Amino acid sequence: MSETKIAPPDRAQSPILPPPVDVFEDDCGITLYADMPGVPKEKLHVRIDAEALVIEGEIDFPIVKDMEASHVEVQSPRFQRTFSLGKELDGEKAQAEFRNGVLKLRIPKLEQAKPRKIEVRID
């Protein structure tokens, strides 16, 4: 099989992929899982700006010196996803873990936003 030689992709021109995400909610807050395969911890950035959660990551594929790319399919080693956060979430207390290419982010609800049980008195 013969293929035309092509230049490696320019990362600045590559599209940004949204990582697949699962979000779960309970009475205490939300837990978000984002699949970020191949992203090293130092290239993973998570921030909360006002009421927005931003997840970004970049994969470093080594380009072998003195070699030309003959076939390129992985052209977008960059991920980014933004979520609107509700006012009931406490971004100041967010916690993140990153293990085996999966980001786990836990954002608790503000105390006043958590459901509370109201005792009913009998007269």
PDB file of N, CA and C in Angstrom:
ATOM      1  N   MET A   1       0.850  -1.169   0.000  1.00  0.00           N
ATOM      2  CA  MET A   1       0.000   0.000   0.000  1.00  0.00           C
ATOM      3  C   MET A   1       0.894   1.229   0.000  1.00  0.00           C
ATOM      4  N   SER A   2       0.651   2.112  -0.912  1.00  0.00           N
ATOM      5  CA  SER A   2       1.450   3.322  -1.023  1.00  0.00           C
ATOM      6  C   SER A   2       0.592   4.528  -0.662  1.00  0.00           C
ATOM      7  N   GLU A   3       1.138   5.359   0.198  1.00  0.00           N
ATOM      8  CA  GLU A   3       0.409   6.553   0.606  1.00  0.00           C
ATOM      9  C   GLU A   3       1.275   7.776   0.372  1.00  0.00           C
ATOM     10  N   THR A   4       0.633   8.900   0.141  1.00  0.00           N
ATOM     11  CA  THR A   4       1.334  10.149  -0.053  1.00  0.00           C
ATOM     12  C   THR A   4       1.874  10.648   1.275  1.00  0.00           C
ATOM     13  N   LYS A   5       3.081  11.153   1.276  1.00  0.00           N
ATOM     14  CA  LYS A   5       3.674  11.719   2.484  1.00  0.00           C
ATOM     15  C   LYS A   5       2.959  13.022   2.823  1.00  0.00           C
ATOM     16  N   ILE A   6       2.658  13.211   4.092  1.00  0.00           N
ATOM     17  CA  ILE A   6       2.010  14.445   4.525  1.00  0.00           C
ATOM     18  C   ILE A   6       2.738  14.990   5.743  1.00  0.00           C
ATOM     19  N   ALA A   7       2.568  16.260   5.958  1.00  0.00           N
ATOM     20  CA  ALA A   7       3.197  16.910   7.115  1.00  0.00           C
ATOM     21  C   ALA A   7       2.386  16.601   8.364  1.00  0.00           C
ATOM     22  N   PRO A   8       3.033  16.528   9.520  1.00  0.00           N
ATOM     23  CA  PRO A   8       2.271  16.337  10.749  1.00  0.00           C
ATOM     24  C   PRO A   8       1.334  17.513  10.981  1.00  0.00           C
ATOM     25  N   PRO A   9       0.230  17.300  11.667  1.00  0.00           N
ATOM     26  CA  PRO A   9      -0.744  18.367  11.851  1.00  0.00           C
ATOM     27  C   PRO A   9      -0.187  19.510  12.694  1.00  0.00           C
ATOM     28  N   ASP A  10      -0.646  20.703  12.374  1.00  0.00           N
ATOM     29  CA  ASP A  10      -0.304  21.889  13.157  1.00  0.00           C
ATOM     30  C   ASP A  10      -1.311  21.949  14.308  1.00  0.00           C
ATOM     31  N   ARG A  11      -0.828  21.820  15.542  1.00  0.00           N
ATOM     32  CA  ARG A  11      -1.737  21.781  16.691  1.00  0.00           C
ATOM     33  C   ARG A  11      -2.579  23.044  16.817  1.00  0.00           C
ATOM     34  N   ALA A  12      -2.025  24.168  16.432  1.00  0.00           N
ATOM     35  CA  ALA A  12      -2.785  25.420  16.532  1.00  0.00           C
ATOM     36  C   ALA A  12      -3.986  25.401  15.598  1.00  0.00           C
ATOM     37  N   GLN A  13      -3.895  24.635  14.506  1.00  0.00           N
ATOM     38  CA  GLN A  13      -4.988  24.576  13.531  1.00  0.00           C
ATOM     39  C   GLN A  13      -5.930  23.398  13.788  1.00  0.00           C
ATOM     40  N   SER A  14      -5.568  22.507  14.686  1.00  0.00           N
ATOM     41  CA  SER A  14      -6.389  21.330  14.961  1.00  0.00           C
ATOM     42  C   SER A  14      -7.665  21.724  15.682  1.00  0.00           C
ATOM     43  N   PRO A  15      -8.766  21.046  15.366  1.00  0.00           N
ATOM     44  CA  PRO A  15      -9.993  21.320  16.110  1.00  0.00           C
ATOM     45  C   PRO A  15      -9.859  20.822  17.542  1.00  0.00           C
ATOM     46  N   ILE A  16     -10.636  21.404  18.418  1.00  0.00           N
ATOM     47  CA  ILE A  16     -10.626  21.002  19.817  1.00  0.00           C
ATOM     48  C   ILE A  16     -11.791  20.040  20.034  1.00  0.00           C
ATOM     49  N   LEU A  17     -11.483  18.862  20.590  1.00  0.00           N
ATOM     50  CA  LEU A  17     -12.507  17.848  20.819  1.00  0.00           C
ATOM     51  C   LEU A  17     -13.111  17.990  22.210  1.00  0.00           C
ATOM     52  N   PRO A  18     -14.431  17.818  22.322  1.00  0.00           N
ATOM     53  CA  PRO A  18     -15.025  17.784  23.663  1.00  0.00           C
ATOM     54  C   PRO A  18     -14.840  16.388  24.241  1.00  0.00           C
ATOM     55  N   PRO A  19     -14.274  16.271  25.444  1.00  0.00           N
ATOM     56  CA  PRO A  19     -14.128  14.936  26.020  1.00  0.00           C
ATOM     57  C   PRO A  19     -15.498  14.379  26.410  1.00  0.00           C
ATOM     58  N   PRO A  20     -15.687  13.058  26.291  1.00  0.00           N
ATOM     59  CA  PRO A  20     -16.953  12.479  26.760  1.00  0.00           C
ATOM     60  C   PRO A  20     -17.055  12.619  28.276  1.00  0.00           C
ATOM     61  N   VAL A  21     -18.251  12.948  28.740  1.00  0.00           N
ATOM     62  CA  VAL A  21     -18.460  13.261  30.156  1.00  0.00           C
ATOM     63  C   VAL A  21     -19.734  12.585  30.652  1.00  0.00           C
ATOM     64  N   ASP A  22     -19.669  12.088  31.888  1.00  0.00           N
ATOM     65  CA  ASP A  22     -20.854  11.609  32.608  1.00  0.00           C
ATOM     66  C   ASP A  22     -21.000  12.489  33.842  1.00  0.00           C
ATOM     67  N   VAL A  23     -22.233  12.914  34.141  1.00  0.00           N
ATOM     68  CA  VAL A  23     -22.488  13.757  35.307  1.00  0.00           C
ATOM     69  C   VAL A  23     -23.587  13.096  36.135  1.00  0.00           C
ATOM     70  N   PHE A  24     -23.313  12.964  37.430  1.00  0.00           N
ATOM     71  CA  PHE A  24     -24.268  12.380  38.359  1.00  0.00           C
ATOM     72  C   PHE A  24     -24.561  13.406  39.446  1.00  0.00           C
ATOM     73  N   GLU A  25     -25.822  13.436  39.883  1.00  0.00           N
ATOM     74  CA  GLU A  25     -26.208  14.371  40.942  1.00  0.00           C
ATOM     75  C   GLU A  25     -26.853  13.604  42.083  1.00  0.00           C
ATOM     76  N   ASP A  26     -26.536  14.037  43.295  1.00  0.00           N
ATOM     77  CA  ASP A  26     -27.223  13.522  44.474  1.00  0.00           C
ATOM     78  C   ASP A  26     -27.597  14.721  45.345  1.00  0.00           C
ATOM     79  N   ASP A  27     -28.113  14.465  46.535  1.00  0.00           N
ATOM     80  CA  ASP A  27     -28.550  15.556  47.405  1.00  0.00           C
ATOM     81  C   ASP A  27     -27.414  16.466  47.841  1.00  0.00           C
ATOM     82  N   CYS A  28     -26.170  15.952  47.796  1.00  0.00           N
ATOM     83  CA  CYS A  28     -25.029  16.713  48.302  1.00  0.00           C
ATOM     84  C   CYS A  28     -24.255  17.465  47.218  1.00  0.00           C
ATOM     85  N   GLY A  29     -24.454  17.136  45.942  1.00  0.00           N
ATOM     86  CA  GLY A  29     -23.720  17.822  44.883  1.00  0.00           C
ATOM     87  C   GLY A  29     -23.696  17.026  43.597  1.00  0.00           C
ATOM     88  N   ILE A  30     -22.716  17.339  42.747  1.00  0.00           N
ATOM     89  CA  ILE A  30     -22.567  16.621  41.477  1.00  0.00           C
ATOM     90  C   ILE A  30     -21.182  15.971  41.424  1.00  0.00           C
ATOM     91  N   THR A  31     -21.108  14.872  40.697  1.00  0.00           N
ATOM     92  CA  THR A  31     -19.851  14.208  40.401  1.00  0.00           C
ATOM     93  C   THR A  31     -19.765  14.089  38.892  1.00  0.00           C
ATOM     94  N   LEU A  32     -18.663  14.555  38.346  1.00  0.00           N
ATOM     95  CA  LEU A  32     -18.450  14.564  36.903  1.00  0.00           C
ATOM     96  C   LEU A  32     -17.250  13.675  36.591  1.00  0.00           C
ATOM     97  N   TYR A  33     -17.400  12.831  35.571  1.00  0.00           N
ATOM     98  CA  TYR A  33     -16.306  12.004  35.075  1.00  0.00           C
ATOM     99  C   TYR A  33     -16.045  12.407  33.629  1.00  0.00           C
ATOM    100  N   ALA A  34     -14.796  12.755  33.315  1.00  0.00           N
ATOM    101  CA  ALA A  34     -14.422  13.130  31.946  1.00  0.00           C
ATOM    102  C   ALA A  34     -13.327  12.194  31.468  1.00  0.00           C
ATOM    103  N   ASP A  35     -13.514  11.620  30.298  1.00  0.00           N
ATOM    104  CA  ASP A  35     -12.544  10.696  29.717  1.00  0.00           C
ATOM    105  C   ASP A  35     -11.505  11.502  28.940  1.00  0.00           C
ATOM    106  N   MET A  36     -10.264  11.494  29.429  1.00  0.00           N
ATOM    107  CA  MET A  36      -9.188  12.284  28.836  1.00  0.00           C
ATOM    108  C   MET A  36      -7.969  11.373  28.574  1.00  0.00           C
ATOM    109  N   PRO A  37      -8.125  10.345  27.726  1.00  0.00           N
ATOM    110  CA  PRO A  37      -7.029   9.382  27.530  1.00  0.00           C
ATOM    111  C   PRO A  37      -5.778  10.031  26.955  1.00  0.00           C
ATOM    112  N   GLY A  38      -4.648   9.682  27.530  1.00  0.00           N
ATOM    113  CA  GLY A  38      -3.366  10.167  27.026  1.00  0.00           C
ATOM    114  C   GLY A  38      -2.961  11.546  27.491  1.00  0.00           C
ATOM    115  N   VAL A  39      -3.834  12.239  28.220  1.00  0.00           N
ATOM    116  CA  VAL A  39      -3.504  13.584  28.696  1.00  0.00           C
ATOM    117  C   VAL A  39      -2.677  13.451  29.979  1.00  0.00           C
ATOM    118  N   PRO A  40      -1.455  13.972  29.996  1.00  0.00           N
ATOM    119  CA  PRO A  40      -0.678  13.926  31.231  1.00  0.00           C
ATOM    120  C   PRO A  40      -1.214  14.963  32.230  1.00  0.00           C
ATOM    121  N   LYS A  41      -1.022  14.696  33.524  1.00  0.00           N
ATOM    122  CA  LYS A  41      -1.561  15.569  34.564  1.00  0.00           C
ATOM    123  C   LYS A  41      -1.121  17.020  34.380  1.00  0.00           C
ATOM    124  N   GLU A  42       0.135  17.231  33.971  1.00  0.00           N
ATOM    125  CA  GLU A  42       0.627  18.604  33.819  1.00  0.00           C
ATOM    126  C   GLU A  42      -0.004  19.342  32.637  1.00  0.00           C
ATOM    127  N   LYS A  43      -0.689  18.628  31.745  1.00  0.00           N
ATOM    128  CA  LYS A  43      -1.374  19.268  30.618  1.00  0.00           C
ATOM    129  C   LYS A  43      -2.887  19.303  30.814  1.00  0.00           C
ATOM    130  N   LEU A  44      -3.350  18.942  32.008  1.00  0.00           N
ATOM    131  CA  LEU A  44      -4.768  18.969  32.337  1.00  0.00           C
ATOM    132  C   LEU A  44      -5.049  20.213  33.168  1.00  0.00           C
ATOM    133  N   HIS A  45      -6.048  20.984  32.761  1.00  0.00           N
ATOM    134  CA  HIS A  45      -6.389  22.222  33.463  1.00  0.00           C
ATOM    135  C   HIS A  45      -7.897  22.239  33.724  1.00  0.00           C
ATOM    136  N   VAL A  46      -8.253  22.436  34.976  1.00  0.00           N
ATOM    137  CA  VAL A  46      -9.652  22.521  35.387  1.00  0.00           C
ATOM    138  C   VAL A  46      -9.808  23.819  36.157  1.00  0.00           C
ATOM    139  N   ARG A  47     -10.808  24.610  35.768  1.00  0.00           N
ATOM    140  CA  ARG A  47     -11.034  25.861  36.484  1.00  0.00           C
ATOM    141  C   ARG A  47     -12.528  26.179  36.515  1.00  0.00           C
ATOM    142  N   ILE A  48     -12.881  26.967  37.509  1.00  0.00           N
ATOM    143  CA  ILE A  48     -14.253  27.459  37.612  1.00  0.00           C
ATOM    144  C   ILE A  48     -14.172  28.968  37.534  1.00  0.00           C
ATOM    145  N   ASP A  49     -14.778  29.527  36.500  1.00  0.00           N
ATOM    146  CA  ASP A  49     -14.841  30.973  36.295  1.00  0.00           C
ATOM    147  C   ASP A  49     -16.286  31.405  36.482  1.00  0.00           C
ATOM    148  N   ALA A  50     -16.533  32.175  37.521  1.00  0.00           N
ATOM    149  CA  ALA A  50     -17.898  32.613  37.854  1.00  0.00           C
ATOM    150  C   ALA A  50     -18.782  31.374  37.971  1.00  0.00           C
ATOM    151  N   GLU A  51     -19.692  31.175  37.046  1.00  0.00           N
ATOM    152  CA  GLU A  51     -20.587  30.019  37.095  1.00  0.00           C
ATOM    153  C   GLU A  51     -20.307  29.043  35.963  1.00  0.00           C
ATOM    154  N   ALA A  52     -19.061  29.006  35.473  1.00  0.00           N
ATOM    155  CA  ALA A  52     -18.705  28.093  34.387  1.00  0.00           C
ATOM    156  C   ALA A  52     -17.543  27.189  34.812  1.00  0.00           C
ATOM    157  N   LEU A  53     -17.680  25.909  34.503  1.00  0.00           N
ATOM    158  CA  LEU A  53     -16.623  24.932  34.722  1.00  0.00           C
ATOM    159  C   LEU A  53     -15.939  24.706  33.379  1.00  0.00           C
ATOM    160  N   VAL A  54     -14.614  24.832  33.343  1.00  0.00           N
ATOM    161  CA  VAL A  54     -13.856  24.640  32.109  1.00  0.00           C
ATOM    162  C   VAL A  54     -12.850  23.513  32.331  1.00  0.00           C
ATOM    163  N   ILE A  55     -12.884  22.517  31.439  1.00  0.00           N
ATOM    164  CA  ILE A  55     -11.947  21.400  31.473  1.00  0.00           C
ATOM    165  C   ILE A  55     -11.152  21.441  30.177  1.00  0.00           C
ATOM    166  N   GLU A  56      -9.806  21.445  30.291  1.00  0.00           N
ATOM    167  CA  GLU A  56      -8.943  21.483  29.112  1.00  0.00           C
ATOM    168  C   GLU A  56      -7.813  20.476  29.280  1.00  0.00           C
ATOM    169  N   GLY A  57      -7.391  19.894  28.183  1.00  0.00           N
ATOM    170  CA  GLY A  57      -6.263  18.975  28.217  1.00  0.00           C
ATOM    171  C   GLY A  57      -5.618  18.879  26.860  1.00  0.00           C
ATOM    172  N   GLU A  58      -4.358  18.490  26.858  1.00  0.00           N
ATOM    173  CA  GLU A  58      -3.614  18.374  25.604  1.00  0.00           C
ATOM    174  C   GLU A  58      -2.710  17.148  25.669  1.00  0.00           C
ATOM    175  N   ILE A  59      -2.660  16.435  24.575  1.00  0.00           N
ATOM    176  CA  ILE A  59      -1.806  15.256  24.483  1.00  0.00           C
ATOM    177  C   ILE A  59      -0.553  15.642  23.707  1.00  0.00           C
ATOM    178  N   ASP A  60       0.580  15.201  24.200  1.00  0.00           N
ATOM    179  CA  ASP A  60       1.843  15.424  23.495  1.00  0.00           C
ATOM    180  C   ASP A  60       2.239  14.154  22.767  1.00  0.00           C
ATOM    181  N   PHE A  61       2.042  14.127  21.465  1.00  0.00           N
ATOM    182  CA  PHE A  61       2.510  13.005  20.673  1.00  0.00           C
ATOM    183  C   PHE A  61       3.914  13.330  20.197  1.00  0.00           C
ATOM    184  N   PRO A  62       4.868  12.496  20.538  1.00  0.00           N
ATOM    185  CA  PRO A  62       6.232  12.790  20.094  1.00  0.00           C
ATOM    186  C   PRO A  62       6.358  12.614  18.581  1.00  0.00           C
ATOM    187  N   ILE A  63       7.039  13.551  17.976  1.00  0.00           N
ATOM    188  CA  ILE A  63       7.328  13.447  16.540  1.00  0.00           C
ATOM    189  C   ILE A  63       8.788  13.043  16.434  1.00  0.00           C
ATOM    190  N   VAL A  64       9.003  11.914  15.809  1.00  0.00           N
ATOM    191  CA  VAL A  64      10.355  11.381  15.703  1.00  0.00           C
ATOM    192  C   VAL A  64      11.168  12.244  14.749  1.00  0.00           C
ATOM    193  N   LYS A  65      12.359  12.643  15.227  1.00  0.00           N
ATOM    194  CA  LYS A  65      13.243  13.492  14.432  1.00  0.00           C
ATOM    195  C   LYS A  65      13.647  12.766  13.151  1.00  0.00           C
ATOM    196  N   ASP A  66      13.741  13.516  12.072  1.00  0.00           N
ATOM    197  CA  ASP A  66      14.163  13.009  10.761  1.00  0.00           C
ATOM    198  C   ASP A  66      13.195  12.003  10.150  1.00  0.00           C
ATOM    199  N   MET A  67      11.935  12.023  10.586  1.00  0.00           N
ATOM    200  CA  MET A  67      10.930  11.139   9.980  1.00  0.00           C
ATOM    201  C   MET A  67       9.776  11.994   9.473  1.00  0.00           C
ATOM    202  N   GLU A  68       9.163  11.542   8.400  1.00  0.00           N
ATOM    203  CA  GLU A  68       8.004  12.235   7.840  1.00  0.00           C
ATOM    204  C   GLU A  68       6.752  11.428   8.140  1.00  0.00           C
ATOM    205  N   ALA A  69       5.664  12.118   8.375  1.00  0.00           N
ATOM    206  CA  ALA A  69       4.388  11.438   8.594  1.00  0.00           C
ATOM    207  C   ALA A  69       3.872  10.919   7.261  1.00  0.00           C
ATOM    208  N   SER A  70       3.518   9.651   7.205  1.00  0.00           N
ATOM    209  CA  SER A  70       2.957   9.086   5.982  1.00  0.00           C
ATOM    210  C   SER A  70       1.451   8.881   6.103  1.00  0.00           C
ATOM    211  N   HIS A  71       0.965   8.854   7.324  1.00  0.00           N
ATOM    212  CA  HIS A  71      -0.466   8.689   7.553  1.00  0.00           C
ATOM    213  C   HIS A  71      -0.783   9.306   8.913  1.00  0.00           C
ATOM    214  N   VAL A  72      -1.725  10.233   8.966  1.00  0.00           N
ATOM    215  CA  VAL A  72      -2.059  10.925  10.215  1.00  0.00           C
ATOM    216  C   VAL A  72      -3.565  10.863  10.423  1.00  0.00           C
ATOM    217  N   GLU A  73      -3.995  10.239  11.519  1.00  0.00           N
ATOM    218  CA  GLU A  73      -5.411  10.187  11.863  1.00  0.00           C
ATOM    219  C   GLU A  73      -5.705  10.898  13.178  1.00  0.00           C
ATOM    220  N   VAL A  74      -4.749  10.912  14.061  1.00  0.00           N
ATOM    221  CA  VAL A  74      -4.944  11.558  15.358  1.00  0.00           C
ATOM    222  C   VAL A  74      -4.473  12.991  15.225  1.00  0.00           C
ATOM    223  N   GLN A  75      -5.346  13.826  14.690  1.00  0.00           N
ATOM    224  CA  GLN A  75      -4.955  15.196  14.374  1.00  0.00           C
ATOM    225  C   GLN A  75      -5.355  16.193  15.446  1.00  0.00           C
ATOM    226  N   SER A  76      -6.069  15.766  16.454  1.00  0.00           N
ATOM    227  CA  SER A  76      -6.524  16.727  17.450  1.00  0.00           C
ATOM    228  C   SER A  76      -6.229  16.234  18.853  1.00  0.00           C
ATOM    229  N   PRO A  77      -5.014  16.444  19.291  1.00  0.00           N
ATOM    230  CA  PRO A  77      -4.698  15.994  20.637  1.00  0.00           C
ATOM    231  C   PRO A  77      -5.086  17.015  21.708  1.00  0.00           C
ATOM    232  N   ARG A  78      -6.105  17.850  21.438  1.00  0.00           N
ATOM    233  CA  ARG A  78      -6.545  18.846  22.417  1.00  0.00           C
ATOM    234  C   ARG A  78      -8.007  18.609  22.766  1.00  0.00           C
ATOM    235  N   PHE A  79      -8.305  18.763  24.061  1.00  0.00           N
ATOM    236  CA  PHE A  79      -9.674  18.608  24.547  1.00  0.00           C
ATOM    237  C   PHE A  79     -10.096  19.881  25.269  1.00  0.00           C
ATOM    238  N   GLN A  80     -11.376  20.205  25.155  1.00  0.00           N
ATOM    239  CA  GLN A  80     -11.917  21.313  25.948  1.00  0.00           C
ATOM    240  C   GLN A  80     -13.420  21.141  26.057  1.00  0.00           C
ATOM    241  N   ARG A  81     -13.930  21.437  27.255  1.00  0.00           N
ATOM    242  CA  ARG A  81     -15.376  21.382  27.467  1.00  0.00           C
ATOM    243  C   ARG A  81     -15.728  22.387  28.546  1.00  0.00           C
ATOM    244  N   THR A  82     -16.839  23.084  28.352  1.00  0.00           N
ATOM    245  CA  THR A  82     -17.295  24.093  29.301  1.00  0.00           C
ATOM    246  C   THR A  82     -18.730  23.770  29.704  1.00  0.00           C
ATOM    247  N   PHE A  83     -18.991  23.891  31.002  1.00  0.00           N
ATOM    248  CA  PHE A  83     -20.321  23.637  31.542  1.00  0.00           C
ATOM    249  C   PHE A  83     -20.772  24.833  32.351  1.00  0.00           C
ATOM    250  N   SER A  84     -22.058  25.132  32.282  1.00  0.00           N
ATOM    251  CA  SER A  84     -22.645  26.146  33.162  1.00  0.00           C
ATOM    252  C   SER A  84     -22.966  25.476  34.481  1.00  0.00           C
ATOM    253  N   LEU A  85     -22.568  26.120  35.562  1.00  0.00           N
ATOM    254  CA  LEU A  85     -22.851  25.589  36.890  1.00  0.00           C
ATOM    255  C   LEU A  85     -24.020  26.347  37.492  1.00  0.00           C
ATOM    256  N   GLY A  86     -24.860  25.634  38.181  1.00  0.00           N
ATOM    257  CA  GLY A  86     -25.974  26.276  38.862  1.00  0.00           C
ATOM    258  C   GLY A  86     -25.483  27.052  40.071  1.00  0.00           C
ATOM    259  N   LYS A  87     -26.260  28.008  40.500  1.00  0.00           N
ATOM    260  CA  LYS A  87     -25.893  28.829  41.656  1.00  0.00           C
ATOM    261  C   LYS A  87     -25.910  28.040  42.951  1.00  0.00           C
ATOM    262  N   GLU A  88     -26.501  26.840  42.930  1.00  0.00           N
ATOM    263  CA  GLU A  88     -26.566  26.036  44.145  1.00  0.00           C
ATOM    264  C   GLU A  88     -25.280  25.264  44.423  1.00  0.00           C
ATOM    265  N   LEU A  89     -24.320  25.276  43.467  1.00  0.00           N
ATOM    266  CA  LEU A  89     -23.065  24.542  43.653  1.00  0.00           C
ATOM    267  C   LEU A  89     -21.980  25.423  44.255  1.00  0.00           C
ATOM    268  N   ASP A  90     -21.151  24.824  45.092  1.00  0.00           N
ATOM    269  CA  ASP A  90     -20.087  25.537  45.793  1.00  0.00           C
ATOM    270  C   ASP A  90     -18.743  25.254  45.111  1.00  0.00           C
ATOM    271  N   GLY A  91     -18.416  26.054  44.110  1.00  0.00           N
ATOM    272  CA  GLY A  91     -17.175  25.878  43.356  1.00  0.00           C
ATOM    273  C   GLY A  91     -15.918  26.006  44.201  1.00  0.00           C
ATOM    274  N   GLU A  92     -16.004  26.733  45.305  1.00  0.00           N
ATOM    275  CA  GLU A  92     -14.853  26.900  46.198  1.00  0.00           C
ATOM    276  C   GLU A  92     -14.439  25.579  46.844  1.00  0.00           C
ATOM    277  N   LYS A  93     -15.354  24.647  46.947  1.00  0.00           N
ATOM    278  CA  LYS A  93     -15.076  23.377  47.612  1.00  0.00           C
ATOM    279  C   LYS A  93     -14.948  22.216  46.623  1.00  0.00           C
ATOM    280  N   ALA A  94     -14.783  22.528  45.339  1.00  0.00           N
ATOM    281  CA  ALA A  94     -14.635  21.479  44.327  1.00  0.00           C
ATOM    282  C   ALA A  94     -13.351  20.693  44.565  1.00  0.00           C
ATOM    283  N   GLN A  95     -13.409  19.391  44.299  1.00  0.00           N
ATOM    284  CA  GLN A  95     -12.246  18.512  44.429  1.00  0.00           C
ATOM    285  C   GLN A  95     -12.107  17.703  43.155  1.00  0.00           C
ATOM    286  N   ALA A  96     -10.852  17.504  42.714  1.00  0.00           N
ATOM    287  CA  ALA A  96     -10.603  16.770  41.473  1.00  0.00           C
ATOM    288  C   ALA A  96      -9.560  15.685  41.693  1.00  0.00           C
ATOM    289  N   GLU A  97      -9.772  14.556  41.023  1.00  0.00           N
ATOM    290  CA  GLU A  97      -8.813  13.458  40.980  1.00  0.00           C
ATOM    291  C   GLU A  97      -8.617  13.091  39.518  1.00  0.00           C
ATOM    292  N   PHE A  98      -7.414  12.643  39.188  1.00  0.00           N
ATOM    293  CA  PHE A  98      -7.125  12.232  37.811  1.00  0.00           C
ATOM    294  C   PHE A  98      -6.374  10.917  37.870  1.00  0.00           C
ATOM    295  N   ARG A  99      -7.003   9.865  37.356  1.00  0.00           N
ATOM    296  CA  ARG A  99      -6.404   8.542  37.433  1.00  0.00           C
ATOM    297  C   ARG A  99      -6.722   7.767  36.154  1.00  0.00           C
ATOM    298  N   ASN A 100      -5.684   7.184  35.560  1.00  0.00           N
ATOM    299  CA  ASN A 100      -5.830   6.333  34.373  1.00  0.00           C
ATOM    300  C   ASN A 100      -6.600   7.034  33.239  1.00  0.00           C
ATOM    301  N   GLY A 101      -6.352   8.318  33.058  1.00  0.00           N
ATOM    302  CA  GLY A 101      -6.978   9.057  31.965  1.00  0.00           C
ATOM    303  C   GLY A 101      -8.401   9.498  32.217  1.00  0.00           C
ATOM    304  N   VAL A 102      -8.884   9.340  33.453  1.00  0.00           N
ATOM    305  CA  VAL A 102     -10.251   9.749  33.787  1.00  0.00           C
ATOM    306  C   VAL A 102     -10.197  10.817  34.875  1.00  0.00           C
ATOM    307  N   LEU A 103     -10.801  11.953  34.588  1.00  0.00           N
ATOM    308  CA  LEU A 103     -10.916  13.036  35.561  1.00  0.00           C
ATOM    309  C   LEU A 103     -12.207  12.838  36.343  1.00  0.00           C
ATOM    310  N   LYS A 104     -12.102  12.853  37.665  1.00  0.00           N
ATOM    311  CA  LYS A 104     -13.278  12.800  38.538  1.00  0.00           C
ATOM    312  C   LYS A 104     -13.331  14.122  39.288  1.00  0.00           C
ATOM    313  N   LEU A 105     -14.421  14.831  39.132  1.00  0.00           N
ATOM    314  CA  LEU A 105     -14.582  16.135  39.754  1.00  0.00           C
ATOM    315  C   LEU A 105     -15.841  16.110  40.615  1.00  0.00           C
ATOM    316  N   ARG A 106     -15.695  16.493  41.864  1.00  0.00           N
ATOM    317  CA  ARG A 106     -16.826  16.536  42.792  1.00  0.00           C
ATOM    318  C   ARG A 106     -17.058  17.984  43.195  1.00  0.00           C
ATOM    319  N   ILE A 107     -18.278  18.478  42.966  1.00  0.00           N
ATOM    320  CA  ILE A 107     -18.639  19.838  43.351  1.00  0.00           C
ATOM    321  C   ILE A 107     -19.844  19.739  44.277  1.00  0.00           C
ATOM    322  N   PRO A 108     -19.662  20.102  45.553  1.00  0.00           N
ATOM    323  CA  PRO A 108     -20.777  19.993  46.501  1.00  0.00           C
ATOM    324  C   PRO A 108     -21.780  21.135  46.318  1.00  0.00           C
ATOM    325  N   LYS A 109     -22.959  20.894  46.824  1.00  0.00           N
ATOM    326  CA  LYS A 109     -23.979  21.946  46.840  1.00  0.00           C
ATOM    327  C   LYS A 109     -23.740  22.843  48.043  1.00  0.00           C
ATOM    328  N   LEU A 110     -24.156  24.091  47.932  1.00  0.00           N
ATOM    329  CA  LEU A 110     -24.134  24.998  49.067  1.00  0.00           C
ATOM    330  C   LEU A 110     -25.077  24.445  50.132  1.00  0.00           C
ATOM    331  N   GLU A 111     -24.762  24.681  51.383  1.00  0.00           N
ATOM    332  CA  GLU A 111     -25.584  24.156  52.469  1.00  0.00           C
ATOM    333  C   GLU A 111     -27.053  24.559  52.324  1.00  0.00           C
ATOM    334  N   GLN A 112     -27.306  25.811  51.956  1.00  0.00           N
ATOM    335  CA  GLN A 112     -28.686  26.272  51.833  1.00  0.00           C
ATOM    336  C   GLN A 112     -29.414  25.649  50.649  1.00  0.00           C
ATOM    337  N   ALA A 113     -28.672  25.037  49.706  1.00  0.00           N
ATOM    338  CA  ALA A 113     -29.303  24.418  48.541  1.00  0.00           C
ATOM    339  C   ALA A 113     -29.590  22.929  48.762  1.00  0.00           C
ATOM    340  N   LYS A 114     -29.011  22.357  49.812  1.00  0.00           N
ATOM    341  CA  LYS A 114     -29.230  20.932  50.094  1.00  0.00           C
ATOM    342  C   LYS A 114     -30.633  20.732  50.638  1.00  0.00           C
ATOM    343  N   PRO A 115     -31.269  19.632  50.251  1.00  0.00           N
ATOM    344  CA  PRO A 115     -32.598  19.369  50.812  1.00  0.00           C
ATOM    345  C   PRO A 115     -32.498  19.145  52.320  1.00  0.00           C
ATOM    346  N   ARG A 116     -33.500  19.568  53.012  1.00  0.00           N
ATOM    347  CA  ARG A 116     -33.478  19.371  54.450  1.00  0.00           C
ATOM    348  C   ARG A 116     -34.822  18.797  54.886  1.00  0.00           C
ATOM    349  N   LYS A 117     -34.732  18.028  55.904  1.00  0.00           N
ATOM    350  CA  LYS A 117     -35.931  17.389  56.430  1.00  0.00           C
ATOM    351  C   LYS A 117     -36.597  18.347  57.399  1.00  0.00           C
ATOM    352  N   ILE A 118     -37.900  18.450  57.284  1.00  0.00           N
ATOM    353  CA  ILE A 118     -38.673  19.311  58.185  1.00  0.00           C
ATOM    354  C   ILE A 118     -39.481  18.399  59.107  1.00  0.00           C
ATOM    355  N   GLU A 119     -39.252  18.580  60.373  1.00  0.00           N
ATOM    356  CA  GLU A 119     -39.966  17.780  61.344  1.00  0.00           C
ATOM    357  C   GLU A 119     -41.409  18.245  61.461  1.00  0.00           C
ATOM    358  N   VAL A 120     -42.289  17.292  61.455  1.00  0.00           N
ATOM    359  CA  VAL A 120     -43.720  17.592  61.591  1.00  0.00           C
ATOM    360  C   VAL A 120     -44.136  17.281  63.007  1.00  0.00           C
ATOM    361  N   ARG A 121     -44.673  18.244  63.687  1.00  0.00           N
ATOM    362  CA  ARG A 121     -45.128  18.055  65.060  1.00  0.00           C
ATOM    363  C   ARG A 121     -46.598  17.630  65.067  1.00  0.00           C
ATOM    364  N   ILE A 122     -46.919  16.867  66.042  1.00  0.00           N
ATOM    365  CA  ILE A 122     -48.315  16.467  66.211  1.00  0.00           C
ATOM    366  C   ILE A 122     -48.829  17.176  67.450  1.00  0.00           C
ATOM    367  N   ASP A 123     -49.932  17.907  67.306  1.00  0.00           N
ATOM    368  CA  ASP A 123     -50.529  18.653  68.444  1.00  0.00           C
ATOM    369  C   ASP A 123     -51.594  17.838  69.117  1.00  0.00           C
TER     370      ASP A 123
END
